[in-house]
Amino acid sequence: MQATSYTYDAETRTGSVLLDDGTPLPFDAAAFDAGGLRLLRPGQRVRIEVEGSGDGRRVTFVTLQTL
């Protein structure tokens, strides 16, 4: 699934993405680390993997979207 980076805190390696429908979805350090990234800037297109549904939905993987 694709999204756009919305927030990122380099100190905690946590942040949030905006889904294409505008829904914000937070991610934790484990999801950030799983993608192998070092830094993330707001506005970057990312590829994410999520699990769960509704209020229990969470990001498990976030990395840059490449073509």
PDB file of N, CA and C in Angstrom:
ATOM      1  N   MET A   1       0.842  -1.149   0.000  1.00  0.00           N
ATOM      2  CA  MET A   1       0.000   0.000   0.000  1.00  0.00           C
ATOM      3  C   MET A   1       0.903   1.232   0.000  1.00  0.00           C
ATOM      4  N   GLN A   2       0.473   2.295  -0.666  1.00  0.00           N
ATOM      5  CA  GLN A   2       1.234   3.532  -0.704  1.00  0.00           C
ATOM      6  C   GLN A   2       0.612   4.572   0.214  1.00  0.00           C
ATOM      7  N   ALA A   3       1.450   5.487   0.693  1.00  0.00           N
ATOM      8  CA  ALA A   3       0.997   6.574   1.547  1.00  0.00           C
ATOM      9  C   ALA A   3       1.998   7.719   1.411  1.00  0.00           C
ATOM     10  N   THR A   4       1.742   8.792   2.131  1.00  0.00           N
ATOM     11  CA  THR A   4       2.641   9.941   2.155  1.00  0.00           C
ATOM     12  C   THR A   4       3.105  10.167   3.578  1.00  0.00           C
ATOM     13  N   SER A   5       4.398  10.356   3.769  1.00  0.00           N
ATOM     14  CA  SER A   5       4.938  10.637   5.089  1.00  0.00           C
ATOM     15  C   SER A   5       4.347  11.946   5.592  1.00  0.00           C
ATOM     16  N   TYR A   6       3.855  11.944   6.825  1.00  0.00           N
ATOM     17  CA  TYR A   6       3.210  13.130   7.380  1.00  0.00           C
ATOM     18  C   TYR A   6       4.044  13.723   8.513  1.00  0.00           C
ATOM     19  N   THR A   7       4.419  12.901   9.473  1.00  0.00           N
ATOM     20  CA  THR A   7       5.285  13.350  10.564  1.00  0.00           C
ATOM     21  C   THR A   7       6.370  12.318  10.788  1.00  0.00           C
ATOM     22  N   TYR A   8       7.493  12.784  11.360  1.00  0.00           N
ATOM     23  CA  TYR A   8       8.566  11.862  11.720  1.00  0.00           C
ATOM     24  C   TYR A   8       9.408  12.506  12.807  1.00  0.00           C
ATOM     25  N   ASP A   9       9.700  11.759  13.865  1.00  0.00           N
ATOM     26  CA  ASP A   9      10.573  12.199  14.957  1.00  0.00           C
ATOM     27  C   ASP A   9      11.828  11.329  14.919  1.00  0.00           C
ATOM     28  N   ALA A  10      12.956  11.923  14.507  1.00  0.00           N
ATOM     29  CA  ALA A  10      14.198  11.168  14.354  1.00  0.00           C
ATOM     30  C   ALA A  10      14.699  10.601  15.679  1.00  0.00           C
ATOM     31  N   GLU A  11      14.383  11.261  16.781  1.00  0.00           N
ATOM     32  CA  GLU A  11      14.850  10.800  18.085  1.00  0.00           C
ATOM     33  C   GLU A  11      14.169   9.490  18.504  1.00  0.00           C
ATOM     34  N   THR A  12      12.860   9.392  18.258  1.00  0.00           N
ATOM     35  CA  THR A  12      12.119   8.189  18.657  1.00  0.00           C
ATOM     36  C   THR A  12      11.884   7.231  17.496  1.00  0.00           C
ATOM     37  N   ARG A  13      12.178   7.697  16.270  1.00  0.00           N
ATOM     38  CA  ARG A  13      11.936   6.919  15.038  1.00  0.00           C
ATOM     39  C   ARG A  13      10.460   6.545  14.889  1.00  0.00           C
ATOM     40  N   THR A  14       9.566   7.419  15.330  1.00  0.00           N
ATOM     41  CA  THR A  14       8.126   7.219  15.188  1.00  0.00           C
ATOM     42  C   THR A  14       7.549   8.352  14.365  1.00  0.00           C
ATOM     43  N   GLY A  15       6.347   8.154  13.876  1.00  0.00           N
ATOM     44  CA  GLY A  15       5.699   9.195  13.094  1.00  0.00           C
ATOM     45  C   GLY A  15       4.350   8.742  12.606  1.00  0.00           C
ATOM     46  N   SER A  16       3.932   9.352  11.511  1.00  0.00           N
ATOM     47  CA  SER A  16       2.649   8.981  10.927  1.00  0.00           C
ATOM     48  C   SER A  16       2.700   9.181   9.423  1.00  0.00           C
ATOM     49  N   VAL A  17       1.808   8.504   8.748  1.00  0.00           N
ATOM     50  CA  VAL A  17       1.642   8.635   7.307  1.00  0.00           C
ATOM     51  C   VAL A  17       0.197   9.022   7.039  1.00  0.00           C
ATOM     52  N   LEU A  18      -0.036   9.584   5.864  1.00  0.00           N
ATOM     53  CA  LEU A  18      -1.388   9.853   5.414  1.00  0.00           C
ATOM     54  C   LEU A  18      -1.701   8.878   4.292  1.00  0.00           C
ATOM     55  N   LEU A  19      -2.765   8.120   4.472  1.00  0.00           N
ATOM     56  CA  LEU A  19      -3.220   7.245   3.399  1.00  0.00           C
ATOM     57  C   LEU A  19      -3.748   8.119   2.271  1.00  0.00           C
ATOM     58  N   ASP A  20      -3.937   7.553   1.099  1.00  0.00           N
ATOM     59  CA  ASP A  20      -4.383   8.339  -0.048  1.00  0.00           C
ATOM     60  C   ASP A  20      -5.768   8.932   0.145  1.00  0.00           C
ATOM     61  N   ASP A  21      -6.553   8.402   1.075  1.00  0.00           N
ATOM     62  CA  ASP A  21      -7.862   8.989   1.365  1.00  0.00           C
ATOM     63  C   ASP A  21      -7.787  10.068   2.445  1.00  0.00           C
ATOM     64  N   GLY A  22      -6.560  10.398   2.899  1.00  0.00           N
ATOM     65  CA  GLY A  22      -6.360  11.442   3.896  1.00  0.00           C
ATOM     66  C   GLY A  22      -6.359  10.969   5.332  1.00  0.00           C
ATOM     67  N   THR A  23      -6.534   9.673   5.552  1.00  0.00           N
ATOM     68  CA  THR A  23      -6.551   9.125   6.899  1.00  0.00           C
ATOM     69  C   THR A  23      -5.142   9.048   7.459  1.00  0.00           C
ATOM     70  N   PRO A  24      -4.884   9.650   8.637  1.00  0.00           N
ATOM     71  CA  PRO A  24      -3.567   9.506   9.253  1.00  0.00           C
ATOM     72  C   PRO A  24      -3.435   8.150   9.934  1.00  0.00           C
ATOM     73  N   LEU A  25      -2.258   7.582   9.862  1.00  0.00           N
ATOM     74  CA  LEU A  25      -1.996   6.286  10.476  1.00  0.00           C
ATOM     75  C   LEU A  25      -0.596   6.337  11.096  1.00  0.00           C
ATOM     76  N   PRO A  26      -0.485   6.175  12.420  1.00  0.00           N
ATOM     77  CA  PRO A  26       0.826   6.261  13.066  1.00  0.00           C
ATOM     78  C   PRO A  26       1.667   5.013  12.834  1.00  0.00           C
ATOM     79  N   PHE A  27       2.979   5.177  12.955  1.00  0.00           N
ATOM     80  CA  PHE A  27       3.874   4.019  12.939  1.00  0.00           C
ATOM     81  C   PHE A  27       4.846   4.142  14.102  1.00  0.00           C
ATOM     82  N   ASP A  28       5.317   2.987  14.575  1.00  0.00           N
ATOM     83  CA  ASP A  28       6.254   2.968  15.703  1.00  0.00           C
ATOM     84  C   ASP A  28       7.675   2.700  15.199  1.00  0.00           C
ATOM     85  N   ALA A  29       8.624   2.689  16.122  1.00  0.00           N
ATOM     86  CA  ALA A  29      10.026   2.489  15.760  1.00  0.00           C
ATOM     87  C   ALA A  29      10.257   1.139  15.095  1.00  0.00           C
ATOM     88  N   ALA A  30       9.534   0.110  15.521  1.00  0.00           N
ATOM     89  CA  ALA A  30       9.705  -1.219  14.925  1.00  0.00           C
ATOM     90  C   ALA A  30       9.335  -1.206  13.448  1.00  0.00           C
ATOM     91  N   ALA A  31       8.269  -0.512  13.085  1.00  0.00           N
ATOM     92  CA  ALA A  31       7.859  -0.427  11.678  1.00  0.00           C
ATOM     93  C   ALA A  31       8.876   0.367  10.874  1.00  0.00           C
ATOM     94  N   PHE A  32       9.397   1.441  11.459  1.00  0.00           N
ATOM     95  CA  PHE A  32      10.410   2.239  10.772  1.00  0.00           C
ATOM     96  C   PHE A  32      11.680   1.423  10.569  1.00  0.00           C
ATOM     97  N   ASP A  33      12.143   0.736  11.605  1.00  0.00           N
ATOM     98  CA  ASP A  33      13.354  -0.075  11.529  1.00  0.00           C
ATOM     99  C   ASP A  33      13.218  -1.218  10.532  1.00  0.00           C
ATOM    100  N   ALA A  34      12.020  -1.782  10.405  1.00  0.00           N
ATOM    101  CA  ALA A  34      11.795  -2.899   9.480  1.00  0.00           C
ATOM    102  C   ALA A  34      12.045  -2.490   8.032  1.00  0.00           C
ATOM    103  N   GLY A  35      11.836  -1.212   7.723  1.00  0.00           N
ATOM    104  CA  GLY A  35      12.025  -0.737   6.356  1.00  0.00           C
ATOM    105  C   GLY A  35      13.451  -0.380   6.017  1.00  0.00           C
ATOM    106  N   GLY A  36      14.350  -0.354   7.004  1.00  0.00           N
ATOM    107  CA  GLY A  36      15.754  -0.068   6.743  1.00  0.00           C
ATOM    108  C   GLY A  36      16.063   1.390   6.444  1.00  0.00           C
ATOM    109  N   LEU A  37      15.166   2.293   6.792  1.00  0.00           N
ATOM    110  CA  LEU A  37      15.397   3.711   6.532  1.00  0.00           C
ATOM    111  C   LEU A  37      16.273   4.330   7.618  1.00  0.00           C
ATOM    112  N   ARG A  38      16.902   5.455   7.270  1.00  0.00           N
ATOM    113  CA  ARG A  38      17.669   6.227   8.245  1.00  0.00           C
ATOM    114  C   ARG A  38      16.979   7.537   8.576  1.00  0.00           C
ATOM    115  N   LEU A  39      16.209   8.066   7.629  1.00  0.00           N
ATOM    116  CA  LEU A  39      15.566   9.356   7.780  1.00  0.00           C
ATOM    117  C   LEU A  39      14.306   9.377   6.924  1.00  0.00           C
ATOM    118  N   LEU A  40      13.347  10.167   7.328  1.00  0.00           N
ATOM    119  CA  LEU A  40      12.106  10.303   6.575  1.00  0.00           C
ATOM    120  C   LEU A  40      11.672  11.752   6.649  1.00  0.00           C
ATOM    121  N   ARG A  41      11.371  12.345   5.491  1.00  0.00           N
ATOM    122  CA  ARG A  41      10.923  13.732   5.446  1.00  0.00           C
ATOM    123  C   ARG A  41       9.430  13.786   5.144  1.00  0.00           C
ATOM    124  N   PRO A  42       8.716  14.726   5.764  1.00  0.00           N
ATOM    125  CA  PRO A  42       7.297  14.896   5.441  1.00  0.00           C
ATOM    126  C   PRO A  42       7.116  15.135   3.946  1.00  0.00           C
ATOM    127  N   GLY A  43       6.111  14.504   3.388  1.00  0.00           N
ATOM    128  CA  GLY A  43       5.806  14.648   1.968  1.00  0.00           C
ATOM    129  C   GLY A  43       6.373  13.558   1.088  1.00  0.00           C
ATOM    130  N   GLN A  44       7.283  12.748   1.605  1.00  0.00           N
ATOM    131  CA  GLN A  44       7.836  11.663   0.792  1.00  0.00           C
ATOM    132  C   GLN A  44       6.790  10.561   0.607  1.00  0.00           C
ATOM    133  N   ARG A  45       6.764   9.994  -0.595  1.00  0.00           N
ATOM    134  CA  ARG A  45       5.892   8.850  -0.842  1.00  0.00           C
ATOM    135  C   ARG A  45       6.557   7.617  -0.245  1.00  0.00           C
ATOM    136  N   VAL A  46       5.773   6.822   0.450  1.00  0.00           N
ATOM    137  CA  VAL A  46       6.282   5.633   1.102  1.00  0.00           C
ATOM    138  C   VAL A  46       5.416   4.432   0.756  1.00  0.00           C
ATOM    139  N   ARG A  47       6.012   3.280   0.943  1.00  0.00           N
ATOM    140  CA  ARG A  47       5.272   2.018   0.827  1.00  0.00           C
ATOM    141  C   ARG A  47       5.132   1.496   2.246  1.00  0.00           C
ATOM    142  N   ILE A  48       3.926   1.100   2.603  1.00  0.00           N
ATOM    143  CA  ILE A  48       3.689   0.593   3.946  1.00  0.00           C
ATOM    144  C   ILE A  48       2.983  -0.756   3.883  1.00  0.00           C
ATOM    145  N   GLU A  49       3.144  -1.497   4.950  1.00  0.00           N
ATOM    146  CA  GLU A  49       2.365  -2.712   5.153  1.00  0.00           C
ATOM    147  C   GLU A  49       1.626  -2.517   6.465  1.00  0.00           C
ATOM    148  N   VAL A  50       0.359  -2.915   6.480  1.00  0.00           N
ATOM    149  CA  VAL A  50      -0.462  -2.754   7.680  1.00  0.00           C
ATOM    150  C   VAL A  50      -1.069  -4.092   8.066  1.00  0.00           C
ATOM    151  N   GLU A  51      -1.456  -4.180   9.333  1.00  0.00           N
ATOM    152  CA  GLU A  51      -2.187  -5.363   9.786  1.00  0.00           C
ATOM    153  C   GLU A  51      -3.333  -4.887  10.660  1.00  0.00           C
ATOM    154  N   GLY A  52      -4.333  -5.716  10.781  1.00  0.00           N
ATOM    155  CA  GLY A  52      -5.500  -5.369  11.579  1.00  0.00           C
ATOM    156  C   GLY A  52      -6.504  -4.571  10.766  1.00  0.00           C
ATOM    157  N   SER A  53      -7.556  -4.135  11.447  1.00  0.00           N
ATOM    158  CA  SER A  53      -8.588  -3.344  10.781  1.00  0.00           C
ATOM    159  C   SER A  53      -9.216  -2.387  11.780  1.00  0.00           C
ATOM    160  N   GLY A  54      -9.899  -1.391  11.252  1.00  0.00           N
ATOM    161  CA  GLY A  54     -10.552  -0.412  12.106  1.00  0.00           C
ATOM    162  C   GLY A  54      -9.570   0.291  13.017  1.00  0.00           C
ATOM    163  N   ASP A  55      -9.953   0.478  14.271  1.00  0.00           N
ATOM    164  CA  ASP A  55      -9.093   1.152  15.237  1.00  0.00           C
ATOM    165  C   ASP A  55      -7.848   0.329  15.580  1.00  0.00           C
ATOM    166  N   GLY A  56      -7.861  -0.972  15.276  1.00  0.00           N
ATOM    167  CA  GLY A  56      -6.721  -1.837  15.558  1.00  0.00           C
ATOM    168  C   GLY A  56      -5.706  -1.894  14.444  1.00  0.00           C
ATOM    169  N   ARG A  57      -5.941  -1.160  13.349  1.00  0.00           N
ATOM    170  CA  ARG A  57      -5.019  -1.175  12.208  1.00  0.00           C
ATOM    171  C   ARG A  57      -3.724  -0.466  12.590  1.00  0.00           C
ATOM    172  N   ARG A  58      -2.587  -1.091  12.226  1.00  0.00           N
ATOM    173  CA  ARG A  58      -1.298  -0.488  12.530  1.00  0.00           C
ATOM    174  C   ARG A  58      -0.311  -0.766  11.413  1.00  0.00           C
ATOM    175  N   VAL A  59       0.638   0.129  11.263  1.00  0.00           N
ATOM    176  CA  VAL A  59       1.703  -0.005  10.264  1.00  0.00           C
ATOM    177  C   VAL A  59       2.758  -0.940  10.822  1.00  0.00           C
ATOM    178  N   THR A  60       3.152  -1.937  10.019  1.00  0.00           N
ATOM    179  CA  THR A  60       4.187  -2.877  10.445  1.00  0.00           C
ATOM    180  C   THR A  60       5.491  -2.698   9.672  1.00  0.00           C
ATOM    181  N   PHE A  61       5.461  -1.903   8.602  1.00  0.00           N
ATOM    182  CA  PHE A  61       6.619  -1.736   7.717  1.00  0.00           C
ATOM    183  C   PHE A  61       6.462  -0.422   6.974  1.00  0.00           C
ATOM    184  N   VAL A  62       7.492   0.379   6.933  1.00  0.00           N
ATOM    185  CA  VAL A  62       7.470   1.623   6.149  1.00  0.00           C
ATOM    186  C   VAL A  62       8.821   1.797   5.463  1.00  0.00           C
ATOM    187  N   THR A  63       8.800   2.055   4.164  1.00  0.00           N
ATOM    188  CA  THR A  63      10.017   2.296   3.399  1.00  0.00           C
ATOM    189  C   THR A  63       9.684   3.253   2.276  1.00  0.00           C
ATOM    190  N   LEU A  64      10.695   3.771   1.595  1.00  0.00           N
ATOM    191  CA  LEU A  64      10.445   4.691   0.494  1.00  0.00           C
ATOM    192  C   LEU A  64       9.811   3.965  -0.677  1.00  0.00           C
ATOM    193  N   GLN A  65       8.928   4.668  -1.367  1.00  0.00           N
ATOM    194  CA  GLN A  65       8.321   4.135  -2.574  1.00  0.00           C
ATOM    195  C   GLN A  65       9.296   4.347  -3.713  1.00  0.00           C
ATOM    196  N   THR A  66       9.676   3.299  -4.398  1.00  0.00           N
ATOM    197  CA  THR A  66      10.575   3.409  -5.549  1.00  0.00           C
ATOM    198  C   THR A  66       9.863   2.902  -6.782  1.00  0.00           C
ATOM    199  N   LEU A  67      10.257   3.449  -7.906  1.00  0.00           N
ATOM    200  CA  LEU A  67       9.646   3.053  -9.178  1.00  0.00           C
ATOM    201  C   LEU A  67      10.501   2.077  -9.903  1.00  0.00           C
TER     202      LEU A  67
END
